[in-house]
Protein backbone atom coordinates (compact mmCIF):
# COMPACT_ATOMS: atom_id res chain seq x y z
CA MET A 1 -16.02 43.73 18.35
CA GLN A 2 -19.08 44.28 20.55
CA ILE A 3 -19.93 47.78 19.37
CA PHE A 4 -23.68 47.08 19.72
CA ARG A 5 -23.47 45.95 23.36
CA THR A 6 -26.25 47.45 25.48
CA LYS A 7 -26.56 48.49 29.11
CA SER A 8 -29.44 47.07 31.11
CA VAL A 9 -31.95 49.44 32.67
CA GLU A 10 -30.82 48.15 36.07
CA GLN A 11 -27.18 49.00 35.31
CA THR A 12 -28.22 52.44 34.10
CA ILE A 13 -30.14 53.22 37.28
CA ALA A 14 -27.43 51.73 39.52
CA GLU A 15 -24.93 54.25 38.11
CA THR A 16 -26.99 57.13 39.47
CA ASN A 17 -26.16 56.04 43.02
CA GLU A 18 -22.41 55.84 42.55
CA THR A 19 -20.61 57.85 45.23
CA GLY A 20 -18.99 60.95 43.78
CA HIS A 21 -20.86 60.60 40.48
CA ALA A 22 -24.48 61.16 41.62
CA LEU A 23 -26.66 64.21 40.98
CA LYS A 24 -29.04 65.78 43.50
CA ARG A 25 -32.82 65.49 42.89
CA ASN A 26 -34.53 68.84 43.57
CA LEU A 27 -36.62 69.78 40.48
CA GLY A 28 -40.41 69.56 40.10
CA TRP A 29 -42.60 69.23 36.99
CA TRP A 30 -43.11 73.00 36.76
CA ASP A 31 -39.33 73.52 36.78
CA LEU A 32 -39.07 71.20 33.76
CA ALA A 33 -41.98 72.86 31.94
CA VAL A 34 -40.43 76.30 32.46
CA MET A 35 -37.06 74.91 31.37
CA GLY A 36 -38.62 73.69 28.12
CA VAL A 37 -40.25 77.05 27.44
CA ALA A 38 -37.01 78.81 28.39
CA VAL A 39 -34.93 76.96 25.82
CA ALA A 40 -37.54 76.90 23.04
CA VAL A 41 -38.74 80.51 23.23
CA GLY A 42 -35.81 82.78 22.42
CA ALA A 43 -35.08 85.15 19.58
CA GLY A 44 -36.51 82.57 17.19
CA ILE A 45 -40.10 83.29 18.21
CA PHE A 46 -39.69 86.82 16.82
CA SER A 47 -37.71 85.95 13.69
CA VAL A 48 -37.88 82.35 12.46
CA GLY A 49 -41.61 82.47 11.68
CA ALA A 50 -41.23 85.66 9.66
CA GLU A 51 -38.30 84.18 7.72
CA ALA A 52 -40.21 80.98 6.97
CA ALA A 53 -43.24 83.01 5.83
CA ALA A 54 -41.15 85.30 3.63
CA PHE A 55 -39.01 82.70 1.89
CA HIS A 56 -40.81 79.36 2.23
CA ALA A 57 -44.50 79.08 3.08
CA GLY A 58 -46.23 82.48 3.08
CA PRO A 59 -49.19 82.63 5.51
CA ALA A 60 -49.16 78.81 5.57
CA VAL A 61 -46.19 79.09 7.90
CA ILE A 62 -48.91 78.64 10.52
CA VAL A 63 -49.30 75.08 9.18
CA SER A 64 -45.51 74.70 9.15
CA PHE A 65 -45.42 75.48 12.87
CA ILE A 66 -48.22 73.03 13.58
CA ILE A 67 -46.44 70.28 11.59
CA ALA A 68 -43.13 70.93 13.36
CA GLY A 69 -44.89 71.15 16.72
CA VAL A 70 -46.77 67.89 16.26
CA VAL A 71 -43.63 66.06 15.11
CA CYS A 72 -41.58 67.48 17.96
CA GLY A 73 -44.39 66.89 20.46
CA ALA A 74 -44.67 63.23 19.48
CA ALA A 75 -40.90 62.88 19.65
CA VAL A 76 -40.66 64.34 23.14
CA MET A 77 -43.42 62.00 24.28
CA CYS A 78 -41.03 59.19 23.32
CA TYR A 79 -38.49 60.89 25.57
CA ALA A 80 -41.11 61.06 28.32
CA GLU A 81 -41.74 57.30 28.13
CA PHE A 82 -38.03 56.54 28.42
CA ALA A 83 -37.65 59.04 31.25
CA SER A 84 -40.42 57.25 33.15
CA ILE A 85 -38.37 54.03 32.88
CA MET A 86 -34.85 55.46 33.26
CA PRO A 87 -34.87 58.87 35.00
CA VAL A 88 -31.16 59.47 34.48
CA ALA A 89 -28.91 62.11 32.90
CA GLY A 90 -27.95 61.89 29.25
CA SER A 91 -31.32 62.00 27.52
CA ALA A 92 -31.26 60.39 24.04
CA TYR A 93 -27.72 59.08 24.60
CA THR A 94 -28.73 57.11 27.70
CA PHE A 95 -31.96 55.81 26.16
CA THR A 96 -30.18 54.62 23.03
CA TYR A 97 -27.42 52.90 25.04
CA ALA A 98 -30.04 50.71 26.75
CA THR A 99 -31.83 49.73 23.53
CA ILE A 100 -29.95 50.01 20.23
CA GLY A 101 -26.40 49.68 21.54
CA GLU A 102 -23.16 51.45 22.39
CA ILE A 103 -22.07 52.60 18.95
CA MET A 104 -25.44 54.22 18.23
CA ALA A 105 -25.44 55.76 21.71
CA TRP A 106 -21.99 57.19 21.02
CA ILE A 107 -23.19 58.70 17.73
CA ILE A 108 -26.16 60.33 19.46
CA GLY A 109 -24.04 61.56 22.37
CA TRP A 110 -21.51 62.97 19.91
CA ASP A 111 -24.34 64.65 17.97
CA LEU A 112 -25.81 66.12 21.16
CA ILE A 113 -22.43 67.57 22.12
CA LEU A 114 -22.25 69.25 18.71
CA GLU A 115 -25.86 70.43 18.93
CA MET A 116 -25.59 71.98 22.38
CA LEU A 117 -22.07 73.35 21.99
CA MET A 118 -22.99 75.08 18.74
CA ALA A 119 -26.37 76.21 20.07
CA GLY A 120 -24.87 77.53 23.31
CA SER A 121 -22.14 79.40 21.43
CA VAL A 122 -24.47 80.77 18.75
CA ILE A 123 -27.13 81.88 21.23
CA SER A 124 -24.68 83.54 23.64
CA LYS A 125 -23.07 85.29 20.65
CA TYR A 126 -26.44 86.56 19.47
CA TRP A 127 -27.28 87.62 23.03
CA GLY A 128 -24.41 90.09 22.76
CA VAL A 129 -25.59 91.28 19.35
CA TYR A 130 -29.14 91.89 20.57
CA LEU A 131 -27.92 93.44 23.84
CA ASN A 132 -25.95 96.03 21.84
CA ASP A 133 -28.97 96.58 19.60
CA PHE A 134 -31.23 97.14 22.62
CA MET A 135 -28.76 99.63 24.07
CA ARG A 136 -28.70 101.47 20.74
CA LEU A 137 -32.51 101.63 20.63
CA MET A 138 -32.54 103.03 24.16
CA GLY A 139 -30.05 105.74 23.16
CA LEU A 140 -27.14 104.36 25.17
CA ASN A 141 -23.69 104.63 23.58
CA TRP A 142 -22.37 101.32 24.86
CA ASN A 143 -20.82 98.39 23.04
CA THR A 144 -19.51 95.02 24.26
CA ASN A 145 -17.10 94.52 21.36
CA LEU A 146 -13.46 95.20 22.17
CA SER A 147 -10.52 95.44 19.77
CA PHE A 148 -6.87 94.77 20.53
CA GLY A 149 -5.09 95.55 17.31
CA ALA A 150 -6.30 93.03 14.74
CA PHE A 151 -7.91 90.86 17.44
CA HIS A 152 -11.61 91.38 18.19
CA ILE A 153 -13.53 89.96 21.14
CA ASP A 154 -17.12 90.31 22.33
CA ILE A 155 -17.29 90.23 26.13
CA ALA A 156 -21.11 89.85 26.23
CA PRO A 157 -21.06 86.04 25.73
CA ILE A 158 -18.44 85.75 28.48
CA ILE A 159 -20.69 87.71 30.86
CA ILE A 160 -23.89 85.73 30.24
CA VAL A 161 -22.18 82.31 30.14
CA GLY A 162 -20.18 83.13 33.27
CA PHE A 163 -23.32 84.22 35.14
CA PHE A 164 -25.29 81.04 34.44
CA THR A 165 -22.27 78.79 34.88
CA ALA A 166 -21.86 80.15 38.41
CA LEU A 167 -25.55 79.55 39.17
CA LEU A 168 -25.42 75.96 37.86
CA VAL A 169 -22.27 75.20 39.85
CA PHE A 170 -24.08 76.14 43.08
CA GLY A 171 -27.11 74.00 42.25
CA THR A 172 -29.54 73.23 39.45
CA LYS A 173 -32.48 74.42 41.58
CA ILE A 174 -30.99 77.91 42.00
CA GLY A 175 -30.41 78.19 38.26
CA ALA A 176 -33.93 76.91 37.56
CA ARG A 177 -35.49 79.55 39.84
CA VAL A 178 -33.65 82.44 38.19
CA ASP A 179 -34.38 80.99 34.76
CA GLY A 180 -38.04 80.53 35.71
CA ALA A 181 -38.48 84.15 36.81
CA MET A 182 -36.95 85.42 33.58
CA THR A 183 -39.04 83.00 31.51
CA ILE A 184 -42.34 84.10 33.08
CA LEU A 185 -41.45 87.71 32.30
CA LYS A 186 -40.55 86.68 28.75
CA ILE A 187 -43.90 84.89 28.27
CA GLY A 188 -45.71 88.00 29.49
CA ILE A 189 -43.92 90.17 26.91
CA VAL A 190 -44.68 87.71 24.10
CA LEU A 191 -48.38 87.66 24.97
CA PHE A 192 -48.46 91.48 25.19
CA VAL A 193 -46.89 91.82 21.74
CA VAL A 194 -49.32 89.25 20.30
CA VAL A 195 -52.38 91.02 21.74
CA VAL A 196 -51.24 94.39 20.37
CA GLY A 197 -50.45 92.80 17.01
CA PHE A 198 -54.02 91.49 16.64
CA PHE A 199 -55.25 95.09 16.29
CA TYR A 200 -53.15 95.49 13.10
CA ILE A 201 -54.26 92.27 11.37
CA LYS A 202 -55.85 92.51 7.91
CA SER A 203 -57.59 89.38 6.62
CA ALA A 204 -56.43 90.13 3.05
CA ASN A 205 -52.85 89.32 4.11
CA TYR A 206 -53.82 85.66 4.58
CA THR A 207 -54.66 85.34 0.86
CA PRO A 208 -53.38 83.23 -0.80
CA PHE A 209 -52.88 81.10 2.29
CA VAL A 210 -50.57 78.69 0.42
CA PRO A 211 -48.85 80.81 -2.27
CA PRO A 212 -48.31 79.05 -5.61
CA SER A 213 -44.92 77.44 -6.06
CA GLU A 214 -42.30 79.61 -7.75
CA PRO A 215 -38.85 78.76 -9.12
CA ALA A 216 -36.06 80.31 -7.05
CA ASN A 217 -32.85 81.71 -8.49
CA HIS A 218 -31.13 80.62 -5.32
CA VAL A 219 -32.31 79.01 -2.09
CA GLN A 220 -32.62 81.38 0.85
CA HIS A 221 -30.80 80.93 4.17
CA GLY A 222 -27.72 79.32 2.70
CA GLU A 223 -24.18 80.57 3.08
CA LEU A 224 -23.68 79.59 -0.55
CA GLY A 225 -26.06 79.86 -3.44
CA GLY A 226 -27.02 76.99 -5.71
CA SER A 227 -26.93 73.30 -4.87
CA MET A 228 -25.05 73.52 -1.56
CA ALA A 229 -27.93 75.54 -0.05
CA GLN A 230 -30.61 73.32 -1.61
CA PRO A 231 -32.58 70.83 0.53
CA LEU A 232 -30.89 67.44 0.31
CA TRP A 233 -33.91 65.62 -1.13
CA GLN A 234 -34.27 68.20 -3.93
CA TRP A 235 -30.58 67.84 -4.72
CA MET A 236 -30.83 64.03 -4.73
CA THR A 237 -33.85 64.09 -7.07
CA HIS A 238 -32.30 66.81 -9.30
CA MET A 239 -35.23 69.12 -8.71
CA LYS A 240 -34.90 72.80 -9.44
CA PRO A 241 -35.01 74.88 -6.24
CA THR A 242 -38.47 76.32 -5.57
CA ILE A 243 -40.14 78.43 -2.92
CA TYR A 244 -43.76 78.47 -1.68
CA GLY A 245 -46.34 75.83 -2.54
CA TRP A 246 -46.80 72.77 -0.32
CA SER A 247 -43.13 71.86 -0.67
CA GLY A 248 -42.43 75.29 0.79
CA VAL A 249 -44.72 74.50 3.72
CA ILE A 250 -42.68 71.36 4.45
CA SER A 251 -39.31 73.10 4.06
CA GLY A 252 -40.73 75.83 6.27
CA ALA A 253 -41.52 73.18 8.88
CA ALA A 254 -37.91 71.99 8.70
CA LEU A 255 -36.74 75.57 9.27
CA VAL A 256 -39.12 76.39 12.13
CA PHE A 257 -38.28 73.08 13.80
CA PHE A 258 -35.34 75.06 15.18
CA ALA A 259 -37.93 76.84 17.30
CA PHE A 260 -38.78 73.62 19.13
CA ILE A 261 -35.32 72.33 19.94
CA GLY A 262 -34.54 72.06 23.59
CA PHE A 263 -37.00 69.53 24.91
CA ASP A 264 -34.36 66.85 24.56
CA VAL A 265 -32.31 69.09 26.87
CA VAL A 266 -35.13 68.98 29.43
CA ALA A 267 -34.89 65.19 29.46
CA THR A 268 -31.22 65.46 30.47
CA ALA A 269 -32.43 66.85 33.82
CA SER A 270 -34.40 63.68 34.63
CA GLU A 271 -31.82 62.55 37.16
CA GLU A 272 -32.24 65.82 39.07
CA THR A 273 -36.05 65.62 39.22
CA LYS A 274 -38.08 64.61 42.25
CA ASN A 275 -40.54 61.77 41.52
CA PRO A 276 -39.25 61.68 37.91
CA LYS A 277 -41.61 58.97 36.67
CA ARG A 278 -44.49 61.40 37.17
CA ASN A 279 -42.86 64.81 36.89
CA VAL A 280 -40.74 64.33 33.74
CA PRO A 281 -43.61 63.35 31.38
CA LEU A 282 -45.87 66.00 32.93
CA GLY A 283 -43.25 68.76 32.75
CA ILE A 284 -42.29 67.96 29.16
CA GLY A 285 -45.93 67.76 28.05
CA VAL A 286 -47.02 71.05 29.63
CA GLY A 287 -43.94 72.87 28.35
CA MET A 288 -44.43 71.56 24.81
CA LEU A 289 -48.07 72.66 24.74
CA LEU A 290 -47.19 76.18 25.91
CA VAL A 291 -44.51 76.54 23.24
CA ILE A 292 -46.73 75.36 20.36
CA VAL A 293 -49.50 77.80 21.35
CA MET A 294 -47.11 80.77 21.60
CA TYR A 295 -45.39 80.10 18.28
CA VAL A 296 -48.65 79.63 16.38
CA LEU A 297 -50.04 82.87 17.87
CA VAL A 298 -46.92 84.81 16.82
CA ALA A 299 -47.12 83.30 13.30
CA VAL A 300 -50.79 84.31 13.00
CA VAL A 301 -49.97 87.89 14.02
CA THR A 302 -46.85 88.23 11.85
CA THR A 303 -48.50 87.03 8.63
CA GLY A 304 -51.73 88.90 9.37
CA MET A 305 -50.13 92.29 9.97
CA VAL A 306 -48.27 92.47 6.64
CA SER A 307 -48.12 90.52 3.39
CA TYR A 308 -45.52 87.77 3.10
CA LYS A 309 -44.30 89.61 -0.02
CA GLN A 310 -43.50 92.64 2.14
CA LEU A 311 -41.59 90.43 4.55
CA ALA A 312 -39.66 88.91 1.63
CA SER A 313 -38.50 92.37 0.55
CA VAL A 314 -36.49 92.70 3.78
CA ASP A 315 -33.10 91.00 4.25
CA SER A 316 -33.81 89.71 7.77
CA PRO A 317 -37.59 89.80 8.36
CA SER A 318 -38.94 89.49 11.89
CA LEU A 319 -41.96 90.34 14.01
CA ALA A 320 -40.33 93.72 14.64
CA THR A 321 -40.26 94.22 10.85
CA ALA A 322 -44.02 93.69 10.73
CA PHE A 323 -44.59 96.34 13.42
CA GLU A 324 -42.27 98.77 11.65
CA LEU A 325 -44.12 98.27 8.34
CA VAL A 326 -47.44 99.18 9.99
CA GLY A 327 -45.87 102.23 11.67
CA ALA A 328 -45.62 100.88 15.24
CA ASP A 329 -41.90 101.54 15.71
CA TRP A 330 -42.28 101.62 19.51
CA ALA A 331 -42.75 97.84 19.48
CA ALA A 332 -39.15 97.33 18.33
CA LYS A 333 -37.86 98.38 21.76
CA ILE A 334 -40.15 95.97 23.60
CA ILE A 335 -39.31 93.12 21.23
CA SER A 336 -35.59 93.89 21.52
CA PHE A 337 -35.77 93.66 25.31
CA ALA A 338 -37.77 90.41 25.08
CA ILE A 339 -35.10 88.93 22.80
CA VAL A 340 -32.29 89.83 25.24
CA LEU A 341 -34.29 88.25 28.06
CA GLY A 342 -35.29 85.25 25.97
CA LEU A 343 -31.80 84.41 24.77
CA ALA A 344 -30.42 84.60 28.30
CA THR A 345 -32.73 81.80 29.49
CA VAL A 346 -31.84 79.67 26.46
CA VAL A 347 -28.13 79.94 27.31
CA MET A 348 -28.70 78.57 30.81
CA VAL A 349 -30.63 75.48 29.69
CA LEU A 350 -28.12 74.69 26.94
CA LEU A 351 -25.21 74.92 29.39
CA LEU A 352 -27.07 72.51 31.67
CA GLY A 353 -27.89 70.10 28.84
CA LEU A 354 -24.39 70.03 27.36
CA THR A 355 -22.83 69.38 30.75
CA ARG A 356 -25.26 66.55 31.56
CA VAL A 357 -24.64 64.75 28.25
CA VAL A 358 -20.86 64.90 28.72
CA PHE A 359 -21.40 63.86 32.37
CA ALA A 360 -23.38 60.77 31.34
CA MET A 361 -20.87 59.74 28.66
CA SER A 362 -18.00 60.25 31.11
CA ARG A 363 -19.71 58.21 33.83
CA ASP A 364 -19.97 55.36 31.32
CA GLY A 365 -16.26 55.63 30.52
CA LEU A 366 -16.75 56.72 26.90
CA LEU A 367 -15.08 59.99 27.90
CA PRO A 368 -12.52 60.38 30.75
CA ARG A 369 -14.15 59.47 34.09
CA ALA A 370 -12.79 62.53 35.89
CA MET A 371 -15.33 64.64 33.99
CA SER A 372 -18.26 63.09 35.91
CA LYS A 373 -17.10 63.93 39.44
CA THR A 374 -19.75 65.75 41.47
CA GLY A 375 -19.05 68.23 44.27
CA ALA A 376 -20.60 69.39 47.53
CA HIS A 377 -23.65 70.90 45.80
CA GLY A 378 -24.47 67.67 43.96
CA THR A 379 -23.42 69.09 40.59
CA PRO A 380 -20.44 68.32 38.31
CA ALA A 381 -18.88 71.67 39.19
CA THR A 382 -15.53 71.24 37.43
CA LEU A 383 -17.15 69.98 34.23
CA GLN A 384 -19.71 72.81 34.35
CA ILE A 385 -16.92 75.39 34.58
CA VAL A 386 -14.93 73.79 31.74
CA VAL A 387 -18.03 73.68 29.52
CA GLY A 388 -18.78 77.32 30.34
CA VAL A 389 -15.24 78.40 29.45
CA VAL A 390 -15.32 76.54 26.12
CA VAL A 391 -18.75 77.92 25.13
CA ALA A 392 -17.78 81.47 26.15
CA LEU A 393 -14.47 81.41 24.26
CA VAL A 394 -15.98 79.95 21.08
CA ALA A 395 -18.77 82.55 21.16
CA ALA A 396 -16.48 85.47 22.02
CA CYS A 397 -13.69 84.79 19.54
CA PHE A 398 -15.20 83.02 16.52
CA ASP A 399 -17.83 83.66 13.89
CA ILE A 400 -19.89 80.53 14.47
CA SER A 401 -23.21 81.62 12.94
CA VAL A 402 -22.52 79.48 9.85
CA LEU A 403 -22.86 76.37 12.01
CA SER A 404 -26.31 77.14 13.40
CA ASP A 405 -27.99 74.61 11.08
CA MET A 406 -25.94 71.89 12.78
CA VAL A 407 -28.19 72.34 15.80
CA ASN A 408 -31.21 71.19 13.78
CA ILE A 409 -29.63 68.10 12.28
CA GLY A 410 -28.20 67.01 15.62
CA THR A 411 -31.59 67.30 17.30
CA LEU A 412 -33.48 65.54 14.51
CA SER A 413 -31.05 62.61 14.43
CA ALA A 414 -31.50 62.17 18.19
CA PHE A 415 -35.29 62.37 17.90
CA THR A 416 -35.27 59.75 15.13
CA LEU A 417 -33.29 57.18 17.12
CA VAL A 418 -35.26 57.71 20.33
CA ALA A 419 -38.52 57.13 18.44
CA LEU A 420 -37.12 53.92 16.89
CA ALA A 421 -35.96 52.77 20.33
CA ILE A 422 -39.49 52.82 21.81
CA PRO A 423 -40.82 49.65 20.08
CA ILE A 424 -37.43 47.98 20.65
CA MET A 425 -37.61 48.57 24.41
CA ARG A 426 -41.30 47.54 24.53
CA LYS A 427 -40.39 44.20 22.98
CA LYS A 428 -37.11 43.81 24.86
CA ARG A 429 -38.39 44.69 28.34
CA PRO A 430 -42.20 44.48 28.51
CA ASP A 431 -41.87 43.86 32.27
CA LEU A 432 -40.65 47.35 33.10
CA PRO A 433 -43.17 49.65 34.83
CA ARG A 434 -44.06 52.62 32.64
CA THR A 435 -45.91 55.52 34.24
CA PHE A 436 -46.30 57.04 30.78
CA LYS A 437 -46.70 55.32 27.41
CA ILE A 438 -46.84 56.93 23.99
CA PRO A 439 -50.00 55.49 22.34
CA GLY A 440 -50.09 53.53 19.09
CA ASN A 441 -46.93 51.48 19.50
CA PRO A 442 -45.17 50.55 17.21
CA TRP A 443 -46.75 52.58 14.43
CA VAL A 444 -46.81 56.01 16.06
CA PRO A 445 -43.10 55.89 17.06
CA LEU A 446 -42.19 54.63 13.55
CA ILE A 447 -44.19 57.47 11.95
CA VAL A 448 -42.47 59.94 14.29
CA ALA A 449 -39.07 58.59 13.26
CA ALA A 450 -39.99 58.84 9.56
CA ALA A 451 -41.28 62.42 10.01
CA ASN A 452 -38.04 63.49 11.72
CA LEU A 453 -35.99 61.83 8.98
CA TRP A 454 -38.04 63.66 6.36
CA LEU A 455 -37.36 66.98 8.09
CA MET A 456 -33.65 66.10 8.09
CA LEU A 457 -33.80 65.56 4.33
CA ASN A 458 -35.17 69.09 3.99
CA LEU A 459 -31.99 70.55 5.48
CA THR A 460 -29.30 71.79 3.11
CA VAL A 461 -26.64 69.73 1.38
CA LEU A 462 -23.93 71.79 3.11
CA THR A 463 -25.42 70.99 6.52
CA TRP A 464 -25.31 67.27 5.71
CA ILE A 465 -21.68 67.49 4.59
CA ARG A 466 -20.69 69.17 7.86
CA PHE A 467 -22.70 66.59 9.79
CA LEU A 468 -20.88 63.69 8.11
CA VAL A 469 -17.48 65.28 8.82
CA TRP A 470 -18.42 65.58 12.52
CA LEU A 471 -19.51 61.90 12.54
CA VAL A 472 -16.18 60.79 11.06
CA LEU A 473 -14.34 62.66 13.82
CA GLY A 474 -16.61 60.96 16.34
CA PHE A 475 -15.80 57.47 15.01
CA ILE A 476 -12.08 58.24 15.30
CA VAL A 477 -12.48 59.21 18.97
CA TYR A 478 -14.70 56.18 19.69
CA PHE A 479 -12.36 53.56 18.28
CA ALA A 480 -9.21 55.28 19.54
CA TYR A 481 -10.41 55.73 23.14
CA SER A 482 -14.05 55.10 24.05
CA TYR A 483 -14.50 51.47 22.99
CA ASN A 484 -11.63 50.22 25.19
CA HIS A 485 -12.53 52.40 28.20
CA ALA A 486 -16.30 51.81 28.27
CA ARG A 487 -17.28 50.50 31.72
CA LEU A 488 -19.82 48.18 30.09
CA GLY A 489 -16.97 46.34 28.37
CA THR A 490 -14.60 46.26 31.36
CA GLY A 491 -17.20 44.71 33.67
CA GLU A 492 -17.28 47.69 36.06
CA LEU A 493 -21.01 48.18 35.55
CA ASP A 494 -21.72 44.62 36.67
CA ALA A 495 -19.80 45.30 39.89
CA GLU A 496 -21.70 48.59 40.31
CA LEU A 497 -25.01 46.76 39.91
CA GLU A 498 -24.03 44.16 42.52
CA ARG A 499 -23.12 46.93 44.96
CA PHE A 500 -26.40 48.73 44.28
CA ASP A 501 -28.47 45.56 44.75
CA LYS A 502 -26.68 44.84 48.04
CA GLU A 503 -27.35 48.36 49.33
CA GLU A 504 -31.02 48.09 48.31
CA ARG A 505 -31.43 44.79 50.16
CA LEU A 506 -29.81 46.26 53.29
CA ARG A 507 -32.05 49.32 53.06
CA GLN A 508 -35.17 47.17 52.74
CA LEU A 509 -34.06 45.00 55.68
CA GLY A 510 -33.52 48.15 57.73
CA GLU A 511 -37.00 49.44 56.88
CA THR A 512 -38.53 46.06 57.77
CA LYS A 513 -36.67 45.99 61.10
CA THR A 514 -37.80 49.53 61.91
CA ARG A 515 -41.45 48.64 61.26
CA HIS A 516 -41.20 45.55 63.50
CA ASP A 517 -39.56 47.54 66.29
């Protein structure tokens, strides 16, 4: 069985010109940068840092953010190098297919589907929760939860998913413009809150910067107590669960890594970007820098306003908690509005990313080919609608918050394989033009892969069990359907490449003839 067969870069690019399966290029580097900020700066910027400070790292959560940001930044630079070679939809799935092979590409694609489906459902669900909370703070007696006997449904996720699905059906550029306007407003609110927060900072709250390690009766943030909620590496080494200390800083980095997910989603829009070999690396880089700066600033303010011990005394600590503890209750309304706005932009980018991954896998034949049909607006309209319906129904009808950690492990596994693929592609195809190169090959990519793997090991045992169950389901689908329908195995991609080469030669002949005339 040729489960490690790989697509050539030429075959990958030729697919993007297939009639009825091609996407329209209309995004610039700023669109991508805003898209990265939109997906990475949501409710998490106001909550995840406070949680990590309270239950993991104390004031050293600032270091946790820097560690997570550097690891994620280096990983997305690997994405940027691949995007400069192969500016096509699919992100990590596509890159892996051209380097490590089909089976690994399938695993990553399957992981990305899980990551974005769960993230889209969780975020749209929380959008409804925070929308109701904002309405309550503003004194409006309005609720989006409806009951029909014993059946309960939240219509808020249906509204937000339906809105962005419609925008994406009519064109990625339209969605990006609306998303961009909302993101700029969101950034302005974050910066306003940070500036105000600086006036409440007390230097004593930063001491001790790295709190001494303490034994924990149970690990925080787990659905279950005990070993199932313990980081995998602690469980494997039979260590007793602890909080704080330098191990807490690292586990805090694994937690706040959730704040940086989404840049792999940006890479899925490569095929819809103008001049992608320049604009994709530039857009990803600028977006990543903006996100790191904003998260570190919020962490500095949160831990400086109140002691991490005060944050730990609250069930769900957040930046709003810090303002409430210093008597600035008015800030809760502003932060609540920023969260509603922030989560809305995240939903749009996740819907785009999920659709593009399924689109790429379908175009390769690993999923039914009908899913990758594009319409008059140059978008996979039918697939976009189906994805929107699934995400909206899961969010509206199910309690899916217990699966939020699956987003982290899916992202980290993709980051790990993309980093490993860089030195493989450098050795395999040194002839390919690269407008961007991550420095220090092969050692920097290998270190990036190891760092991502280490963060994975800091996720809970229960998360790993769920991840393995999802992988088993993926293998069943692959061997039952995908392996025998893959266009790489049937020879269809070779025919597609021949057609593409012929069209390119005719185009070049036409240009030559025009110049002579």
